[in-house]
């Protein structure tokens, strides 16, 4: 029961839903999430960690990069929730803008802690 509550709490935030939408497209580092959602590094990291702690994401290290992706090996219920998130955000203008910005998002710096210069 605690896992279910934790899962729904993680999904009860707009930023985290937007992150899942982006991560359903592809694996991303923190700076790519920052660029796609146009949010700060602190906000991106905090929300990614909430999704990771709830079991929705997996984390892979590649050198200095921390790469997040949807944990497709998680419980079947999580796959159903991911499908619901994807369907629920279909046609949402904010979610569409996030995906559009993701196309030009790039890894920057050694710690993904800043946005690229404009």
C-alpha atoms as a PDB file:
ATOM      1  CA  UNK A   1       0.000   0.000   0.000  1.00  0.00           C
ATOM      2  CA  UNK A   2       2.866   2.421   0.808  1.00  0.00           C
ATOM      3  CA  UNK A   3       4.360   1.953  -2.666  1.00  0.00           C
ATOM      4  CA  UNK A   4       1.029   2.792  -4.267  1.00  0.00           C
ATOM      5  CA  UNK A   5       0.643   5.935  -2.164  1.00  0.00           C
ATOM      6  CA  UNK A   6       4.205   7.001  -2.988  1.00  0.00           C
ATOM      7  CA  UNK A   7       3.502   6.430  -6.689  1.00  0.00           C
ATOM      8  CA  UNK A   8       0.382   8.550  -6.725  1.00  0.00           C
ATOM      9  CA  UNK A   9       2.082  11.309  -4.734  1.00  0.00           C
ATOM     10  CA  UNK A  10       4.856  11.363  -7.316  1.00  0.00           C
ATOM     11  CA  UNK A  11       2.288  11.683 -10.107  1.00  0.00           C
ATOM     12  CA  UNK A  12       0.367  14.463  -8.371  1.00  0.00           C
ATOM     13  CA  UNK A  13       2.716  17.205  -9.577  1.00  0.00           C
ATOM     14  CA  UNK A  14       2.608  18.939 -12.957  1.00  0.00           C
ATOM     15  CA  UNK A  15       6.392  19.192 -13.276  1.00  0.00           C
ATOM     16  CA  UNK A  16       6.845  15.467 -12.653  1.00  0.00           C
ATOM     17  CA  UNK A  17       4.149  14.590 -15.193  1.00  0.00           C
ATOM     18  CA  UNK A  18       5.893  16.799 -17.743  1.00  0.00           C
ATOM     19  CA  UNK A  19       9.203  15.090 -16.948  1.00  0.00           C
ATOM     20  CA  UNK A  20       7.691  11.666 -17.489  1.00  0.00           C
ATOM     21  CA  UNK A  21       6.299  12.849 -20.815  1.00  0.00           C
ATOM     22  CA  UNK A  22       9.792  13.930 -21.910  1.00  0.00           C
ATOM     23  CA  UNK A  23      11.412  10.747 -20.599  1.00  0.00           C
ATOM     24  CA  UNK A  24       8.873   8.647 -22.478  1.00  0.00           C
ATOM     25  CA  UNK A  25      10.537  10.109 -25.596  1.00  0.00           C
ATOM     26  CA  UNK A  26      14.155   9.371 -24.621  1.00  0.00           C
ATOM     27  CA  UNK A  27      16.750   9.097 -21.887  1.00  0.00           C
ATOM     28  CA  UNK A  28      17.878  12.515 -20.603  1.00  0.00           C
ATOM     29  CA  UNK A  29      20.369  14.086 -18.255  1.00  0.00           C
ATOM     30  CA  UNK A  30      19.349  16.806 -15.824  1.00  0.00           C
ATOM     31  CA  UNK A  31      20.391  19.653 -18.126  1.00  0.00           C
ATOM     32  CA  UNK A  32      18.298  18.268 -20.997  1.00  0.00           C
ATOM     33  CA  UNK A  33      15.278  18.105 -18.679  1.00  0.00           C
ATOM     34  CA  UNK A  34      16.011  21.680 -17.574  1.00  0.00           C
ATOM     35  CA  UNK A  35      16.041  22.872 -21.169  1.00  0.00           C
ATOM     36  CA  UNK A  36      12.985  20.914 -22.270  1.00  0.00           C
ATOM     37  CA  UNK A  37      10.837  22.105 -19.357  1.00  0.00           C
ATOM     38  CA  UNK A  38      12.542  25.514 -18.991  1.00  0.00           C
ATOM     39  CA  UNK A  39      13.109  25.005 -15.245  1.00  0.00           C
ATOM     40  CA  UNK A  40      16.008  25.419 -12.830  1.00  0.00           C
ATOM     41  CA  UNK A  41      18.567  22.736 -12.038  1.00  0.00           C
ATOM     42  CA  UNK A  42      17.350  22.528  -8.441  1.00  0.00           C
ATOM     43  CA  UNK A  43      13.748  21.997  -9.488  1.00  0.00           C
ATOM     44  CA  UNK A  44      14.724  19.433 -12.119  1.00  0.00           C
ATOM     45  CA  UNK A  45      16.939  17.434  -9.753  1.00  0.00           C
ATOM     46  CA  UNK A  46      14.437  17.469  -6.891  1.00  0.00           C
ATOM     47  CA  UNK A  47      11.579  16.256  -9.077  1.00  0.00           C
ATOM     48  CA  UNK A  48      13.666  13.644 -10.887  1.00  0.00           C
ATOM     49  CA  UNK A  49      14.692  12.240  -7.511  1.00  0.00           C
ATOM     50  CA  UNK A  50      11.034  12.045  -6.419  1.00  0.00           C
ATOM     51  CA  UNK A  51      10.199  10.043  -9.550  1.00  0.00           C
ATOM     52  CA  UNK A  52      13.264   7.857  -9.047  1.00  0.00           C
ATOM     53  CA  UNK A  53      12.404   7.207  -5.390  1.00  0.00           C
ATOM     54  CA  UNK A  54       8.854   6.270  -6.385  1.00  0.00           C
ATOM     55  CA  UNK A  55      10.248   3.652  -8.789  1.00  0.00           C
ATOM     56  CA  UNK A  56       9.293   5.234 -12.102  1.00  0.00           C
ATOM     57  CA  UNK A  57      12.826   5.984 -13.271  1.00  0.00           C
ATOM     58  CA  UNK A  58      16.144   4.288 -13.511  1.00  0.00           C
ATOM     59  CA  UNK A  59      19.445   6.096 -13.279  1.00  0.00           C
ATOM     60  CA  UNK A  60      22.517   5.309 -15.330  1.00  0.00           C
ATOM     61  CA  UNK A  61      25.905   6.928 -14.934  1.00  0.00           C
ATOM     62  CA  UNK A  62      27.992   7.680 -18.010  1.00  0.00           C
ATOM     63  CA  UNK A  63      31.177   9.405 -16.937  1.00  0.00           C
ATOM     64  CA  UNK A  64      30.094  12.585 -15.173  1.00  0.00           C
ATOM     65  CA  UNK A  65      26.559  12.362 -16.577  1.00  0.00           C
ATOM     66  CA  UNK A  66      23.547  11.068 -14.668  1.00  0.00           C
ATOM     67  CA  UNK A  67      21.069   9.798 -17.241  1.00  0.00           C
ATOM     68  CA  UNK A  68      17.437   9.171 -16.344  1.00  0.00           C
ATOM     69  CA  UNK A  69      14.994   6.977 -18.212  1.00  0.00           C
ATOM     70  CA  UNK A  70      11.663   5.264 -17.613  1.00  0.00           C
ATOM     71  CA  UNK A  71      12.148   2.012 -15.692  1.00  0.00           C
ATOM     72  CA  UNK A  72      10.479  -0.383 -18.110  1.00  0.00           C
ATOM     73  CA  UNK A  73      11.371  -3.340 -15.888  1.00  0.00           C
ATOM     74  CA  UNK A  74       9.288  -2.019 -12.998  1.00  0.00           C
ATOM     75  CA  UNK A  75       5.973  -3.445 -11.818  1.00  0.00           C
ATOM     76  CA  UNK A  76       3.201  -3.895 -14.379  1.00  0.00           C
ATOM     77  CA  UNK A  77       1.140  -1.259 -12.567  1.00  0.00           C
ATOM     78  CA  UNK A  78       3.818   1.320 -13.383  1.00  0.00           C
ATOM     79  CA  UNK A  79       3.591   0.503 -17.076  1.00  0.00           C
ATOM     80  CA  UNK A  80      -0.155   1.088 -16.877  1.00  0.00           C
ATOM     81  CA  UNK A  81       0.410   4.408 -15.104  1.00  0.00           C
ATOM     82  CA  UNK A  82       2.953   5.465 -17.756  1.00  0.00           C
ATOM     83  CA  UNK A  83       0.426   4.665 -20.483  1.00  0.00           C
ATOM     84  CA  UNK A  84      -2.140   6.785 -18.634  1.00  0.00           C
ATOM     85  CA  UNK A  85       0.315   9.683 -18.334  1.00  0.00           C
ATOM     86  CA  UNK A  86       1.130   9.500 -22.043  1.00  0.00           C
ATOM     87  CA  UNK A  87      -2.547   9.376 -23.013  1.00  0.00           C
ATOM     88  CA  UNK A  88      -3.487  12.098 -20.533  1.00  0.00           C
ATOM     89  CA  UNK A  89      -0.868  14.498 -21.911  1.00  0.00           C
ATOM     90  CA  UNK A  90      -1.624  13.809 -25.573  1.00  0.00           C
ATOM     91  CA  UNK A  91      -2.697  17.072 -27.143  1.00  0.00           C
ATOM     92  CA  UNK A  92      -1.652  19.149 -24.108  1.00  0.00           C
ATOM     93  CA  UNK A  93       0.001  22.367 -25.382  1.00  0.00           C
ATOM     94  CA  UNK A  94       2.543  22.552 -22.525  1.00  0.00           C
ATOM     95  CA  UNK A  95       3.555  18.925 -22.975  1.00  0.00           C
ATOM     96  CA  UNK A  96       3.867  19.472 -26.743  1.00  0.00           C
ATOM     97  CA  UNK A  97       6.092  22.528 -26.171  1.00  0.00           C
ATOM     98  CA  UNK A  98       8.295  20.484 -23.813  1.00  0.00           C
ATOM     99  CA  UNK A  99       8.768  17.843 -26.509  1.00  0.00           C
ATOM    100  CA  UNK A 100       9.539  20.522 -29.084  1.00  0.00           C
ATOM    101  CA  UNK A 101      12.227  22.047 -26.827  1.00  0.00           C
ATOM    102  CA  UNK A 102      13.612  18.552 -26.164  1.00  0.00           C
ATOM    103  CA  UNK A 103      14.570  18.323 -29.843  1.00  0.00           C
ATOM    104  CA  UNK A 104      17.197  21.046 -29.345  1.00  0.00           C
ATOM    105  CA  UNK A 105      18.199  20.178 -25.760  1.00  0.00           C
ATOM    106  CA  UNK A 106      21.869  19.335 -25.339  1.00  0.00           C
ATOM    107  CA  UNK A 107      24.184  18.218 -22.561  1.00  0.00           C
ATOM    108  CA  UNK A 108      26.209  21.107 -21.205  1.00  0.00           C
ATOM    109  CA  UNK A 109      29.006  21.503 -18.685  1.00  0.00           C
ATOM    110  CA  UNK A 110      30.486  18.757 -16.577  1.00  0.00           C
ATOM    111  CA  UNK A 111      27.708  18.599 -14.037  1.00  0.00           C
ATOM    112  CA  UNK A 112      24.594  19.487 -15.996  1.00  0.00           C
ATOM    113  CA  UNK A 113      24.135  22.347 -13.584  1.00  0.00           C
ATOM    114  CA  UNK A 114      23.520  25.212 -15.968  1.00  0.00           C
ATOM    115  CA  UNK A 115      21.615  26.082 -19.084  1.00  0.00           C
ATOM    116  CA  UNK A 116      23.560  26.451 -22.341  1.00  0.00           C
ATOM    117  CA  UNK A 117      24.342  29.999 -23.497  1.00  0.00           C
ATOM    118  CA  UNK A 118      21.672  31.476 -25.734  1.00  0.00           C
END
